[in-house]
Amino acid sequence: MPAPLSESVPDAMGEYPIQGWFTKRFGVENAMSWIFWAILIAAILHIAEEYRGEWLVWVRRYVPGVTLFHFVLVNTAFLLLCVAGAVVGVKNVVFSLSIASLVFSNALMHIIPTVVWKEYSPGVITAVLLYIPLGAYAYVLAFDKEEVSLGIGAVAIVLGIFWMMLPIIGQQVRIKVEKSQSR
């Protein structure tokens, strides 16, 4: 079994750069619990950014018919997943890491349109500042604590992408149903 990241090669100061101040001070176990709660807080801030940034107005230019009901429904389900991930924590690290993967995937869903279309995608600020670092750090901690193998980590990533795809697939189905009913 490979050495944990905390036992990797130290830098010139004798410190292990992969470990942050939190893990040095409180240990990886506490950081693993903390990271999933931090993801929940980031999710709340992200939804607030989307709402205040008028994500509904923005997304309707690309996906017609998205309503406030859809926004509330999807984000309620999302927050419930985040709460479940935080409560479960390391007891089911695959599920909890899937939430880290979900927020990382969601970040990409904001970053890519921002870069490609050269316009603000409401939610991109919290995606870059919170989702990317927290999502990545959750995996660093899990591998550091040896909670997961590469295979289990991959399963969590796929599950997180699945969570991200559910509302997208739901919108595609809604659009097809509406088109077939209008004929």
C-alpha atoms as a PDB file:
ATOM      1  CA  MET A   1       0.000   0.000   0.000  1.00  0.00           C
ATOM      2  CA  PRO A   2       1.438   3.442  -0.895  1.00  0.00           C
ATOM      3  CA  ALA A   3       2.344   5.809   1.908  1.00  0.00           C
ATOM      4  CA  PRO A   4      -0.307   8.403   2.810  1.00  0.00           C
ATOM      5  CA  LEU A   5       0.201  11.828   1.291  1.00  0.00           C
ATOM      6  CA  SER A   6       1.148  13.118   4.739  1.00  0.00           C
ATOM      7  CA  GLU A   7       4.178  10.816   4.587  1.00  0.00           C
ATOM      8  CA  SER A   8       5.229  12.010   1.142  1.00  0.00           C
ATOM      9  CA  VAL A   9       8.443  13.934   0.524  1.00  0.00           C
ATOM     10  CA  PRO A  10       8.716  17.034   2.725  1.00  0.00           C
ATOM     11  CA  ASP A  11       9.604  20.433   1.284  1.00  0.00           C
ATOM     12  CA  ALA A  12      12.783  22.390   2.109  1.00  0.00           C
ATOM     13  CA  MET A  13      11.320  23.460   5.478  1.00  0.00           C
ATOM     14  CA  GLY A  14      10.585  19.858   6.446  1.00  0.00           C
ATOM     15  CA  GLU A  15       6.848  20.415   6.015  1.00  0.00           C
ATOM     16  CA  TYR A  16       4.512  18.206   4.037  1.00  0.00           C
ATOM     17  CA  PRO A  17       2.944  20.637   1.558  1.00  0.00           C
ATOM     18  CA  ILE A  18      -0.173  18.578   0.843  1.00  0.00           C
ATOM     19  CA  GLN A  19      -1.350  18.986   4.424  1.00  0.00           C
ATOM     20  CA  GLY A  20      -3.027  22.240   5.359  1.00  0.00           C
ATOM     21  CA  TRP A  21      -3.029  23.988   8.696  1.00  0.00           C
ATOM     22  CA  PHE A  22      -6.325  22.342   9.659  1.00  0.00           C
ATOM     23  CA  THR A  23      -5.074  18.788   9.275  1.00  0.00           C
ATOM     24  CA  LYS A  24      -1.800  19.603  11.043  1.00  0.00           C
ATOM     25  CA  ARG A  25      -3.643  21.131  13.956  1.00  0.00           C
ATOM     26  CA  PHE A  26      -6.653  18.844  14.308  1.00  0.00           C
ATOM     27  CA  GLY A  27      -5.760  15.693  12.392  1.00  0.00           C
ATOM     28  CA  VAL A  28      -7.153  14.192   9.222  1.00  0.00           C
ATOM     29  CA  GLU A  29     -10.167  12.571  10.942  1.00  0.00           C
ATOM     30  CA  ASN A  30     -11.518  15.944  12.060  1.00  0.00           C
ATOM     31  CA  ALA A  31     -10.713  17.512   8.698  1.00  0.00           C
ATOM     32  CA  MET A  32     -12.673  14.740   6.951  1.00  0.00           C
ATOM     33  CA  SER A  33     -15.722  15.597   9.059  1.00  0.00           C
ATOM     34  CA  TRP A  34     -15.171  19.315   8.607  1.00  0.00           C
ATOM     35  CA  ILE A  35     -14.815  19.211   4.820  1.00  0.00           C
ATOM     36  CA  PHE A  36     -18.283  17.752   4.215  1.00  0.00           C
ATOM     37  CA  TRP A  37     -19.900  20.439   6.411  1.00  0.00           C
ATOM     38  CA  ALA A  38     -17.870  23.073   4.561  1.00  0.00           C
ATOM     39  CA  ILE A  39     -19.261  21.734   1.274  1.00  0.00           C
ATOM     40  CA  LEU A  40     -22.796  22.210   2.635  1.00  0.00           C
ATOM     41  CA  ILE A  41     -22.029  25.826   3.578  1.00  0.00           C
ATOM     42  CA  ALA A  42     -20.452  26.384   0.147  1.00  0.00           C
ATOM     43  CA  ALA A  43     -23.608  24.968  -1.476  1.00  0.00           C
ATOM     44  CA  ILE A  44     -25.790  27.462   0.390  1.00  0.00           C
ATOM     45  CA  LEU A  45     -23.544  30.346  -0.673  1.00  0.00           C
ATOM     46  CA  HIS A  46     -23.488  29.022  -4.244  1.00  0.00           C
ATOM     47  CA  ILE A  47     -27.278  28.840  -4.477  1.00  0.00           C
ATOM     48  CA  ALA A  48     -27.486  32.383  -3.097  1.00  0.00           C
ATOM     49  CA  GLU A  49     -25.044  33.552  -5.788  1.00  0.00           C
ATOM     50  CA  GLU A  50     -27.086  31.811  -8.484  1.00  0.00           C
ATOM     51  CA  TYR A  51     -30.315  33.367  -7.223  1.00  0.00           C
ATOM     52  CA  ARG A  52     -28.888  36.880  -6.759  1.00  0.00           C
ATOM     53  CA  GLY A  53     -27.086  36.628 -10.105  1.00  0.00           C
ATOM     54  CA  GLU A  54     -30.352  35.732 -11.831  1.00  0.00           C
ATOM     55  CA  TRP A  55     -29.257  32.291 -12.943  1.00  0.00           C
ATOM     56  CA  LEU A  56     -32.818  31.610 -14.136  1.00  0.00           C
ATOM     57  CA  VAL A  57     -32.677  34.513 -16.588  1.00  0.00           C
ATOM     58  CA  TRP A  58     -29.230  33.380 -17.751  1.00  0.00           C
ATOM     59  CA  VAL A  59     -30.089  29.688 -18.186  1.00  0.00           C
ATOM     60  CA  ARG A  60     -33.360  30.353 -20.037  1.00  0.00           C
ATOM     61  CA  ARG A  61     -31.315  31.691 -22.944  1.00  0.00           C
ATOM     62  CA  TYR A  62     -29.906  28.174 -23.387  1.00  0.00           C
ATOM     63  CA  VAL A  63     -32.586  25.923 -21.863  1.00  0.00           C
ATOM     64  CA  PRO A  64     -36.077  27.311 -22.422  1.00  0.00           C
ATOM     65  CA  GLY A  65     -38.785  26.758 -19.862  1.00  0.00           C
ATOM     66  CA  VAL A  66     -36.701  26.416 -16.703  1.00  0.00           C
ATOM     67  CA  THR A  67     -38.852  27.822 -13.914  1.00  0.00           C
ATOM     68  CA  LEU A  68     -38.378  28.974 -10.355  1.00  0.00           C
ATOM     69  CA  PHE A  69     -40.076  25.708  -9.334  1.00  0.00           C
ATOM     70  CA  HIS A  70     -37.340  23.728 -11.127  1.00  0.00           C
ATOM     71  CA  PHE A  71     -34.649  25.864  -9.477  1.00  0.00           C
ATOM     72  CA  VAL A  72     -36.121  25.337  -6.006  1.00  0.00           C
ATOM     73  CA  LEU A  73     -36.769  21.616  -6.550  1.00  0.00           C
ATOM     74  CA  VAL A  74     -33.266  20.857  -7.838  1.00  0.00           C
ATOM     75  CA  ASN A  75     -31.535  22.960  -5.193  1.00  0.00           C
ATOM     76  CA  THR A  76     -33.634  21.475  -2.382  1.00  0.00           C
ATOM     77  CA  ALA A  77     -32.637  17.981  -3.504  1.00  0.00           C
ATOM     78  CA  PHE A  78     -29.044  19.184  -3.820  1.00  0.00           C
ATOM     79  CA  LEU A  79     -29.001  20.621  -0.295  1.00  0.00           C
ATOM     80  CA  LEU A  80     -30.521  17.398   1.071  1.00  0.00           C
ATOM     81  CA  LEU A  81     -27.709  15.446  -0.588  1.00  0.00           C
ATOM     82  CA  CYS A  82     -25.170  17.841   0.941  1.00  0.00           C
ATOM     83  CA  VAL A  83     -26.726  17.459   4.403  1.00  0.00           C
ATOM     84  CA  ALA A  84     -26.718  13.677   4.020  1.00  0.00           C
ATOM     85  CA  GLY A  85     -23.062  13.761   2.923  1.00  0.00           C
ATOM     86  CA  ALA A  86     -22.118  15.882   5.938  1.00  0.00           C
ATOM     87  CA  VAL A  87     -24.080  13.754   8.411  1.00  0.00           C
ATOM     88  CA  VAL A  88     -22.775  10.484   6.992  1.00  0.00           C
ATOM     89  CA  GLY A  89     -19.237  11.838   6.629  1.00  0.00           C
ATOM     90  CA  VAL A  90     -16.551   9.182   6.891  1.00  0.00           C
ATOM     91  CA  LYS A  91     -19.063   6.472   7.843  1.00  0.00           C
ATOM     92  CA  ASN A  92     -19.832   6.172   4.124  1.00  0.00           C
ATOM     93  CA  VAL A  93     -16.983   8.015   2.492  1.00  0.00           C
ATOM     94  CA  VAL A  94     -17.998   6.919  -1.021  1.00  0.00           C
ATOM     95  CA  PHE A  95     -21.347   8.698  -0.681  1.00  0.00           C
ATOM     96  CA  SER A  96     -19.809  11.756   0.975  1.00  0.00           C
ATOM     97  CA  LEU A  97     -17.068  11.965  -1.652  1.00  0.00           C
ATOM     98  CA  SER A  98     -19.727  11.707  -4.348  1.00  0.00           C
ATOM     99  CA  ILE A  99     -21.058  15.018  -3.024  1.00  0.00           C
ATOM    100  CA  ALA A 100     -17.554  16.492  -3.333  1.00  0.00           C
ATOM    101  CA  SER A 101     -17.549  15.208  -6.911  1.00  0.00           C
ATOM    102  CA  LEU A 102     -21.007  16.697  -7.475  1.00  0.00           C
ATOM    103  CA  VAL A 103     -19.921  20.194  -6.434  1.00  0.00           C
ATOM    104  CA  PHE A 104     -16.732  19.874  -8.487  1.00  0.00           C
ATOM    105  CA  SER A 105     -18.832  18.829 -11.504  1.00  0.00           C
ATOM    106  CA  ASN A 106     -21.213  21.707 -10.873  1.00  0.00           C
ATOM    107  CA  ALA A 107     -18.248  24.068 -10.803  1.00  0.00           C
ATOM    108  CA  LEU A 108     -17.259  22.870 -14.268  1.00  0.00           C
ATOM    109  CA  MET A 109     -20.845  23.490 -15.425  1.00  0.00           C
ATOM    110  CA  HIS A 110     -20.293  27.159 -14.512  1.00  0.00           C
ATOM    111  CA  ILE A 111     -16.654  27.567 -15.515  1.00  0.00           C
ATOM    112  CA  ILE A 112     -16.946  26.085 -19.015  1.00  0.00           C
ATOM    113  CA  PRO A 113     -19.792  28.388 -20.191  1.00  0.00           C
ATOM    114  CA  THR A 114     -18.040  31.380 -18.622  1.00  0.00           C
ATOM    115  CA  VAL A 115     -14.872  30.644 -20.578  1.00  0.00           C
ATOM    116  CA  VAL A 116     -16.519  29.544 -23.837  1.00  0.00           C
ATOM    117  CA  TRP A 117     -19.194  32.252 -24.026  1.00  0.00           C
ATOM    118  CA  LYS A 118     -17.081  34.901 -22.262  1.00  0.00           C
ATOM    119  CA  GLU A 119     -19.905  35.891 -19.950  1.00  0.00           C
ATOM    120  CA  TYR A 120     -20.686  35.570 -16.267  1.00  0.00           C
ATOM    121  CA  SER A 121     -22.485  32.353 -15.409  1.00  0.00           C
ATOM    122  CA  PRO A 122     -24.249  33.047 -12.092  1.00  0.00           C
ATOM    123  CA  GLY A 123     -22.567  30.749  -9.598  1.00  0.00           C
ATOM    124  CA  VAL A 124     -19.101  30.779 -11.152  1.00  0.00           C
ATOM    125  CA  ILE A 125     -17.519  32.820  -8.353  1.00  0.00           C
ATOM    126  CA  THR A 126     -18.442  30.376  -5.585  1.00  0.00           C
ATOM    127  CA  ALA A 127     -17.702  27.520  -7.966  1.00  0.00           C
ATOM    128  CA  VAL A 128     -14.118  28.679  -8.438  1.00  0.00           C
ATOM    129  CA  LEU A 129     -13.465  29.941  -4.917  1.00  0.00           C
ATOM    130  CA  LEU A 130     -15.270  27.212  -2.953  1.00  0.00           C
ATOM    131  CA  TYR A 131     -16.376  24.191  -4.979  1.00  0.00           C
ATOM    132  CA  ILE A 132     -13.089  23.466  -6.753  1.00  0.00           C
ATOM    133  CA  PRO A 133     -10.849  23.720  -3.660  1.00  0.00           C
ATOM    134  CA  LEU A 134     -13.279  21.969  -1.287  1.00  0.00           C
ATOM    135  CA  GLY A 135     -14.104  19.206  -3.763  1.00  0.00           C
ATOM    136  CA  ALA A 136     -10.437  18.550  -4.493  1.00  0.00           C
ATOM    137  CA  TYR A 137      -9.400  18.798  -0.831  1.00  0.00           C
ATOM    138  CA  ALA A 138     -12.024  16.223   0.184  1.00  0.00           C
ATOM    139  CA  TYR A 139     -10.298  13.727  -2.108  1.00  0.00           C
ATOM    140  CA  VAL A 140      -6.837  14.722  -0.862  1.00  0.00           C
ATOM    141  CA  LEU A 141      -7.977  14.084   2.712  1.00  0.00           C
ATOM    142  CA  ALA A 142      -9.622  10.774   1.833  1.00  0.00           C
ATOM    143  CA  PHE A 143      -6.511   9.491   0.082  1.00  0.00           C
ATOM    144  CA  ASP A 144      -4.292  10.888   2.845  1.00  0.00           C
ATOM    145  CA  LYS A 145      -6.278   9.025   5.475  1.00  0.00           C
ATOM    146  CA  GLU A 146      -6.323   5.982   3.219  1.00  0.00           C
ATOM    147  CA  GLU A 147     -10.125   5.955   3.408  1.00  0.00           C
ATOM    148  CA  VAL A 148     -10.383   5.132  -0.267  1.00  0.00           C
ATOM    149  CA  SER A 149      -8.482   3.342  -2.984  1.00  0.00           C
ATOM    150  CA  LEU A 150      -8.247   4.745  -6.500  1.00  0.00           C
ATOM    151  CA  GLY A 151     -11.078   2.427  -7.542  1.00  0.00           C
ATOM    152  CA  ILE A 152     -13.386   3.552  -4.747  1.00  0.00           C
ATOM    153  CA  GLY A 153     -12.464   7.178  -5.474  1.00  0.00           C
ATOM    154  CA  ALA A 154     -13.415   6.621  -9.097  1.00  0.00           C
ATOM    155  CA  VAL A 155     -16.790   5.169  -8.053  1.00  0.00           C
ATOM    156  CA  ALA A 156     -17.442   8.298  -5.956  1.00  0.00           C
ATOM    157  CA  ILE A 157     -16.520  10.509  -8.921  1.00  0.00           C
ATOM    158  CA  VAL A 158     -18.900   8.637 -11.225  1.00  0.00           C
ATOM    159  CA  LEU A 159     -21.675   8.828  -8.614  1.00  0.00           C
ATOM    160  CA  GLY A 160     -21.120  12.586  -8.250  1.00  0.00           C
ATOM    161  CA  ILE A 161     -21.330  13.053 -12.005  1.00  0.00           C
ATOM    162  CA  PHE A 162     -24.539  10.983 -11.946  1.00  0.00           C
ATOM    163  CA  TRP A 163     -26.025  13.356  -9.324  1.00  0.00           C
ATOM    164  CA  MET A 164     -25.056  16.295 -11.555  1.00  0.00           C
ATOM    165  CA  MET A 165     -26.611  14.729 -14.637  1.00  0.00           C
ATOM    166  CA  LEU A 166     -30.017  13.995 -13.061  1.00  0.00           C
ATOM    167  CA  PRO A 167     -31.457  17.528 -13.366  1.00  0.00           C
ATOM    168  CA  ILE A 168     -29.937  17.916 -16.828  1.00  0.00           C
ATOM    169  CA  ILE A 169     -31.581  14.704 -17.993  1.00  0.00           C
ATOM    170  CA  GLY A 170     -34.809  15.792 -16.280  1.00  0.00           C
ATOM    171  CA  GLN A 171     -34.808  19.056 -18.255  1.00  0.00           C
ATOM    172  CA  GLN A 172     -34.137  17.203 -21.510  1.00  0.00           C
ATOM    173  CA  VAL A 173     -37.076  14.860 -20.822  1.00  0.00           C
ATOM    174  CA  ARG A 174     -39.308  17.839 -19.941  1.00  0.00           C
ATOM    175  CA  ILE A 175     -38.396  19.590 -23.198  1.00  0.00           C
ATOM    176  CA  LYS A 176     -39.122  16.469 -25.279  1.00  0.00           C
ATOM    177  CA  VAL A 177     -42.463  15.906 -23.537  1.00  0.00           C
ATOM    178  CA  GLU A 178     -43.467  19.547 -24.060  1.00  0.00           C
ATOM    179  CA  LYS A 179     -42.512  19.374 -27.741  1.00  0.00           C
ATOM    180  CA  SER A 180     -44.478  16.159 -28.277  1.00  0.00           C
ATOM    181  CA  GLN A 181     -47.552  17.628 -26.520  1.00  0.00           C
ATOM    182  CA  SER A 182     -47.452  20.786 -28.653  1.00  0.00           C
ATOM    183  CA  ARG A 183     -47.701  18.830 -31.923  1.00  0.00           C
END
